[in-house]
């Protein structure tokens, strides 16, 4: 068996993942725009629909969606302006708040459900069930490692500012 060039294959796989993400954003964005939202807003609303009435804090949304606090602040304002989400107090921290999807936001997600399902299934049509599971599991692993690296970098930056 010929040994693989692991660094080259890792580079290829991750650059391909980046290209896939860019194309998914572009094509998924076209679907989302039919409902008056962006692909990032679709992702945010979908997550909020999943968690239900308990909602999420902006920090939790940032972590789940892998976006900066500044981007999330703008997204919350825009979604709130469209009446797709609402803020409510965070019971454990009076300085913070949570956001949850509104009935209008749920309707938007439901409108996108059929077309979104077909869109995502089409992209993976050439993969068997085991290949699809391996892809999902592999991307989960990479995502978790990237999140850990982000958290370490944030802790180091806080320590540098404090010290």
Protein backbone atom coordinates (compact mmCIF):
# COMPACT_ATOMS: atom_id res chain seq x y z
CA UNK A 1 0.00 0.00 0.00
CA UNK A 2 1.30 3.44 -0.92
CA UNK A 3 1.58 5.75 2.09
CA UNK A 4 -0.44 8.95 1.83
CA UNK A 5 1.00 12.42 2.03
CA UNK A 6 -1.01 13.33 5.13
CA UNK A 7 -0.19 17.06 5.17
CA UNK A 8 -1.10 17.44 1.49
CA UNK A 9 -4.31 15.46 1.91
CA UNK A 10 -5.27 17.47 5.01
CA UNK A 11 -4.65 20.71 3.12
CA UNK A 12 -6.70 19.52 0.15
CA UNK A 13 -9.57 18.33 2.34
CA UNK A 14 -9.76 21.51 4.40
CA UNK A 15 -9.44 23.82 1.40
CA UNK A 16 -12.17 21.80 -0.30
CA UNK A 17 -14.30 22.22 2.84
CA UNK A 18 -13.75 25.97 2.61
CA UNK A 19 -14.76 26.00 -1.07
CA UNK A 20 -17.82 23.89 -0.26
CA UNK A 21 -18.77 26.31 2.52
CA UNK A 22 -18.44 29.28 0.16
CA UNK A 23 -20.59 27.63 -2.51
CA UNK A 24 -23.16 26.45 0.04
CA UNK A 25 -23.38 29.99 1.35
CA UNK A 26 -23.84 31.39 -2.15
CA UNK A 27 -26.40 28.82 -3.31
CA UNK A 28 -28.11 28.56 0.08
CA UNK A 29 -28.21 32.35 0.22
CA UNK A 30 -30.18 32.39 -3.02
CA UNK A 31 -32.78 30.11 -1.39
CA UNK A 32 -32.84 32.20 1.80
CA UNK A 33 -33.31 35.46 -0.13
CA UNK A 34 -36.62 34.10 -1.44
CA UNK A 35 -37.84 34.41 2.15
CA UNK A 36 -36.20 37.79 2.71
CA UNK A 37 -33.23 36.63 4.78
CA UNK A 38 -29.55 35.78 4.29
CA UNK A 39 -27.98 32.33 4.61
CA UNK A 40 -26.42 33.37 7.94
CA UNK A 41 -29.85 34.48 9.19
CA UNK A 42 -31.30 31.16 8.02
CA UNK A 43 -28.67 29.32 10.03
CA UNK A 44 -29.33 31.50 13.11
CA UNK A 45 -33.10 31.12 12.91
CA UNK A 46 -32.81 27.38 12.34
CA UNK A 47 -30.70 27.04 15.47
CA UNK A 48 -33.15 29.13 17.49
CA UNK A 49 -36.06 27.00 16.25
CA UNK A 50 -34.19 23.90 17.44
CA UNK A 51 -33.62 25.22 20.97
CA UNK A 52 -37.17 26.50 21.32
CA UNK A 53 -38.55 28.91 23.90
CA UNK A 54 -35.46 28.87 26.16
CA UNK A 55 -33.56 30.69 23.41
CA UNK A 56 -29.85 31.40 23.51
CA UNK A 57 -27.61 34.19 24.72
CA UNK A 58 -25.64 36.11 22.08
CA UNK A 59 -22.48 34.38 23.38
CA UNK A 60 -24.06 30.95 22.91
CA UNK A 61 -25.12 31.92 19.39
CA UNK A 62 -21.58 33.09 18.61
CA UNK A 63 -20.15 29.76 19.77
CA UNK A 64 -22.66 27.66 17.88
CA UNK A 65 -22.42 29.63 14.65
CA UNK A 66 -18.67 30.38 14.82
CA UNK A 67 -19.08 34.13 14.30
CA UNK A 68 -17.68 37.16 16.07
CA UNK A 69 -19.60 39.08 18.73
CA UNK A 70 -19.74 42.10 16.41
CA UNK A 71 -21.30 40.05 13.60
CA UNK A 72 -23.76 38.46 16.01
CA UNK A 73 -24.79 41.84 17.43
CA UNK A 74 -25.60 43.08 13.93
CA UNK A 75 -27.44 39.87 13.08
CA UNK A 76 -29.56 40.11 16.23
CA UNK A 77 -30.47 43.72 15.44
CA UNK A 78 -31.43 42.86 11.85
CA UNK A 79 -33.47 39.79 12.81
CA UNK A 80 -35.18 41.74 15.57
CA UNK A 81 -35.98 44.56 13.13
CA UNK A 82 -37.62 41.97 10.83
CA UNK A 83 -39.54 40.67 13.87
CA UNK A 84 -38.06 37.20 13.38
CA UNK A 85 -36.55 37.03 16.87
CA UNK A 86 -37.21 38.66 20.22
CA UNK A 87 -35.04 39.45 23.22
CA UNK A 88 -35.92 38.50 26.77
CA UNK A 89 -34.04 38.83 30.06
CA UNK A 90 -31.42 36.28 31.05
CA UNK A 91 -32.66 35.04 34.45
CA UNK A 92 -29.19 34.32 35.84
CA UNK A 93 -27.53 37.58 34.70
CA UNK A 94 -29.38 40.89 34.69
CA UNK A 95 -26.79 42.41 32.36
CA UNK A 96 -27.45 39.83 29.64
CA UNK A 97 -30.37 38.71 27.53
CA UNK A 98 -31.48 35.74 25.49
CA UNK A 99 -33.05 35.64 22.04
CA UNK A 100 -35.69 33.30 20.74
CA UNK A 101 -37.41 32.90 17.44
CA UNK A 102 -40.85 34.49 17.01
CA UNK A 103 -43.85 32.91 15.30
CA UNK A 104 -42.94 34.93 12.21
CA UNK A 105 -39.38 33.57 12.32
CA UNK A 106 -40.68 30.01 12.68
CA UNK A 107 -42.90 30.54 9.62
CA UNK A 108 -39.87 31.69 7.60
CA UNK A 109 -37.92 28.57 8.61
CA UNK A 110 -40.91 26.37 7.80
CA UNK A 111 -41.18 28.01 4.35
CA UNK A 112 -37.55 27.13 3.69
CA UNK A 113 -37.81 23.58 5.01
CA UNK A 114 -38.79 21.72 1.83
CA UNK A 115 -36.50 23.58 -0.54
CA UNK A 116 -33.68 23.45 2.01
CA UNK A 117 -34.04 19.70 2.52
CA UNK A 118 -33.99 19.10 -1.24
CA UNK A 119 -31.02 21.45 -1.66
CA UNK A 120 -28.92 19.68 0.98
CA UNK A 121 -29.86 16.19 -0.20
CA UNK A 122 -28.93 17.06 -3.76
CA UNK A 123 -25.43 18.10 -2.69
CA UNK A 124 -24.71 14.70 -1.14
CA UNK A 125 -26.60 12.58 -3.66
CA UNK A 126 -23.40 10.84 -4.80
CA UNK A 127 -22.50 9.66 -1.29
CA UNK A 128 -23.65 6.43 0.28
CA UNK A 129 -24.96 6.40 3.83
CA UNK A 130 -21.60 5.35 5.33
CA UNK A 131 -19.75 8.01 3.32
CA UNK A 132 -22.22 10.67 4.41
CA UNK A 133 -21.86 9.63 8.05
CA UNK A 134 -18.05 9.68 7.73
CA UNK A 135 -18.20 13.16 6.17
CA UNK A 136 -20.46 14.46 8.95
CA UNK A 137 -18.34 12.87 11.68
CA UNK A 138 -15.09 14.11 10.14
CA UNK A 139 -16.36 17.67 9.82
CA UNK A 140 -17.60 17.54 13.43
CA UNK A 141 -14.10 16.55 14.54
CA UNK A 142 -12.45 19.36 12.56
CA UNK A 143 -15.02 21.88 13.81
CA UNK A 144 -14.46 20.88 17.43
CA UNK A 145 -10.67 21.23 17.08
CA UNK A 146 -11.10 24.67 15.50
CA UNK A 147 -13.45 25.74 18.30
CA UNK A 148 -10.93 24.57 20.91
CA UNK A 149 -8.18 26.55 19.18
CA UNK A 150 -10.42 29.64 19.16
CA UNK A 151 -11.15 29.27 22.87
CA UNK A 152 -7.43 28.91 23.67
CA UNK A 153 -6.65 32.02 21.62
CA UNK A 154 -9.40 33.99 23.41
CA UNK A 155 -8.11 32.91 26.84
CA UNK A 156 -4.56 33.88 25.89
CA UNK A 157 -5.73 37.28 24.63
CA UNK A 158 -7.66 37.91 27.88
CA UNK A 159 -4.65 36.88 29.95
CA UNK A 160 -2.39 39.19 27.97
CA UNK A 161 -4.76 42.11 28.47
CA UNK A 162 -5.08 41.38 32.20
CA UNK A 163 -1.41 40.77 32.85
